[in-house]
């Protein structure tokens, strides 16, 4: 988010920035994994195992990133729940 925004800014969505950011990383990582799975199939259909392996590795990286963001989101939400709605970040 913009450096000009304060840490407790909720922006236009009413959602804390870090929550939105983590959800966004999860969404985009899973989208990347889904798209890359199609690239694997394309490469395999052409018989290009080098590219298929590369795309499999890229897919795994997207999946790892999504899993890590899920873990961070769970931790983050647990912390914010403990502070209540009026608490800071």
C-alpha atoms as a PDB file:
ATOM      1  CA  UNK A   1       0.000   0.000   0.000  1.00  0.00           C
ATOM      2  CA  UNK A   2       0.992   3.615  -0.268  1.00  0.00           C
ATOM      3  CA  UNK A   3       3.705   4.857   2.085  1.00  0.00           C
ATOM      4  CA  UNK A   4       1.447   7.827   2.859  1.00  0.00           C
ATOM      5  CA  UNK A   5      -1.212   5.662   4.510  1.00  0.00           C
ATOM      6  CA  UNK A   6      -1.086   5.136   8.246  1.00  0.00           C
ATOM      7  CA  UNK A   7      -0.592   1.660   9.693  1.00  0.00           C
ATOM      8  CA  UNK A   8      -4.173   1.527  10.976  1.00  0.00           C
ATOM      9  CA  UNK A   9      -5.708   2.678   7.702  1.00  0.00           C
ATOM     10  CA  UNK A  10      -8.554   0.585   6.363  1.00  0.00           C
ATOM     11  CA  UNK A  11      -8.739   2.295   2.986  1.00  0.00           C
ATOM     12  CA  UNK A  12     -11.822   2.046   0.819  1.00  0.00           C
ATOM     13  CA  UNK A  13     -12.564  -1.589   1.685  1.00  0.00           C
ATOM     14  CA  UNK A  14     -12.904  -1.255   5.453  1.00  0.00           C
ATOM     15  CA  UNK A  15     -10.364  -4.076   5.696  1.00  0.00           C
ATOM     16  CA  UNK A  16      -7.025  -3.771   7.417  1.00  0.00           C
ATOM     17  CA  UNK A  17      -4.274  -3.461   4.833  1.00  0.00           C
ATOM     18  CA  UNK A  18      -2.237  -6.476   5.943  1.00  0.00           C
ATOM     19  CA  UNK A  19      -5.333  -8.694   5.908  1.00  0.00           C
ATOM     20  CA  UNK A  20      -6.192  -7.584   2.375  1.00  0.00           C
ATOM     21  CA  UNK A  21      -2.565  -7.966   1.292  1.00  0.00           C
ATOM     22  CA  UNK A  22      -2.298 -11.540   2.555  1.00  0.00           C
ATOM     23  CA  UNK A  23      -5.625 -12.524   0.996  1.00  0.00           C
ATOM     24  CA  UNK A  24      -4.467 -10.972  -2.261  1.00  0.00           C
ATOM     25  CA  UNK A  25      -1.198 -12.929  -2.216  1.00  0.00           C
ATOM     26  CA  UNK A  26      -3.135 -16.142  -1.566  1.00  0.00           C
ATOM     27  CA  UNK A  27      -5.545 -15.442  -4.409  1.00  0.00           C
ATOM     28  CA  UNK A  28      -2.886 -14.467  -6.934  1.00  0.00           C
ATOM     29  CA  UNK A  29      -0.602 -17.350  -5.962  1.00  0.00           C
ATOM     30  CA  UNK A  30      -3.405 -19.868  -6.415  1.00  0.00           C
ATOM     31  CA  UNK A  31      -4.337 -18.264  -9.726  1.00  0.00           C
ATOM     32  CA  UNK A  32      -0.698 -18.589 -10.785  1.00  0.00           C
ATOM     33  CA  UNK A  33      -0.640 -22.251  -9.758  1.00  0.00           C
ATOM     34  CA  UNK A  34      -3.818 -22.929 -11.718  1.00  0.00           C
ATOM     35  CA  UNK A  35      -2.516 -21.163 -14.819  1.00  0.00           C
ATOM     36  CA  UNK A  36       0.850 -22.870 -14.577  1.00  0.00           C
ATOM     37  CA  UNK A  37      -0.880 -26.264 -14.415  1.00  0.00           C
ATOM     38  CA  UNK A  38      -2.237 -25.503 -17.888  1.00  0.00           C
ATOM     39  CA  UNK A  39       1.314 -24.692 -19.027  1.00  0.00           C
ATOM     40  CA  UNK A  40       2.470 -28.092 -17.747  1.00  0.00           C
ATOM     41  CA  UNK A  41      -0.234 -29.775 -19.815  1.00  0.00           C
ATOM     42  CA  UNK A  42       0.724 -27.732 -22.889  1.00  0.00           C
ATOM     43  CA  UNK A  43       4.389 -28.653 -22.563  1.00  0.00           C
ATOM     44  CA  UNK A  44       3.588 -32.326 -22.006  1.00  0.00           C
ATOM     45  CA  UNK A  45       1.286 -32.342 -25.029  1.00  0.00           C
ATOM     46  CA  UNK A  46       4.188 -31.048 -27.128  1.00  0.00           C
ATOM     47  CA  UNK A  47       6.540 -33.575 -25.553  1.00  0.00           C
ATOM     48  CA  UNK A  48       8.769 -30.873 -24.066  1.00  0.00           C
ATOM     49  CA  UNK A  49       9.742 -32.366 -20.721  1.00  0.00           C
ATOM     50  CA  UNK A  50      12.228 -29.602 -19.870  1.00  0.00           C
ATOM     51  CA  UNK A  51       9.495 -26.974 -20.046  1.00  0.00           C
ATOM     52  CA  UNK A  52       6.992 -29.247 -18.310  1.00  0.00           C
ATOM     53  CA  UNK A  53       9.428 -29.692 -15.402  1.00  0.00           C
ATOM     54  CA  UNK A  54      10.060 -25.941 -15.241  1.00  0.00           C
ATOM     55  CA  UNK A  55       6.324 -25.262 -15.096  1.00  0.00           C
ATOM     56  CA  UNK A  56       5.869 -27.924 -12.393  1.00  0.00           C
ATOM     57  CA  UNK A  57       8.547 -26.190 -10.316  1.00  0.00           C
ATOM     58  CA  UNK A  58       6.893 -22.808 -10.860  1.00  0.00           C
ATOM     59  CA  UNK A  59       3.535 -24.284  -9.824  1.00  0.00           C
ATOM     60  CA  UNK A  60       5.080 -25.663  -6.628  1.00  0.00           C
ATOM     61  CA  UNK A  61       6.550 -22.229  -5.842  1.00  0.00           C
ATOM     62  CA  UNK A  62       3.113 -20.629  -6.231  1.00  0.00           C
ATOM     63  CA  UNK A  63       1.601 -23.290  -3.973  1.00  0.00           C
ATOM     64  CA  UNK A  64       4.300 -22.813  -1.314  1.00  0.00           C
ATOM     65  CA  UNK A  65       3.761 -19.048  -1.416  1.00  0.00           C
ATOM     66  CA  UNK A  66      -0.006 -19.478  -1.010  1.00  0.00           C
ATOM     67  CA  UNK A  67       0.486 -21.889   1.905  1.00  0.00           C
ATOM     68  CA  UNK A  68       2.888 -19.498   3.639  1.00  0.00           C
ATOM     69  CA  UNK A  69       0.470 -16.598   3.179  1.00  0.00           C
ATOM     70  CA  UNK A  70      -2.345 -18.749   4.630  1.00  0.00           C
ATOM     71  CA  UNK A  71      -0.209 -19.473   7.690  1.00  0.00           C
ATOM     72  CA  UNK A  72       0.589 -15.793   8.118  1.00  0.00           C
ATOM     73  CA  UNK A  73      -3.056 -14.829   7.656  1.00  0.00           C
ATOM     74  CA  UNK A  74      -4.146 -17.301  10.317  1.00  0.00           C
ATOM     75  CA  UNK A  75      -1.574 -15.908  12.739  1.00  0.00           C
ATOM     76  CA  UNK A  76      -2.447 -12.326  11.871  1.00  0.00           C
ATOM     77  CA  UNK A  77      -6.179 -12.858  12.301  1.00  0.00           C
ATOM     78  CA  UNK A  78      -5.582 -14.624  15.609  1.00  0.00           C
ATOM     79  CA  UNK A  79      -3.645 -11.608  16.858  1.00  0.00           C
ATOM     80  CA  UNK A  80      -6.260  -9.130  15.686  1.00  0.00           C
ATOM     81  CA  UNK A  81      -9.068 -11.179  17.270  1.00  0.00           C
ATOM     82  CA  UNK A  82      -7.204 -11.139  20.570  1.00  0.00           C
ATOM     83  CA  UNK A  83      -7.050  -7.348  20.549  1.00  0.00           C
ATOM     84  CA  UNK A  84     -10.694  -6.810  19.643  1.00  0.00           C
ATOM     85  CA  UNK A  85     -12.052  -4.506  16.987  1.00  0.00           C
ATOM     86  CA  UNK A  86     -10.735  -1.364  18.682  1.00  0.00           C
ATOM     87  CA  UNK A  87      -7.154  -2.639  18.965  1.00  0.00           C
ATOM     88  CA  UNK A  88      -4.267  -1.456  16.818  1.00  0.00           C
ATOM     89  CA  UNK A  89      -2.129  -3.502  14.446  1.00  0.00           C
END
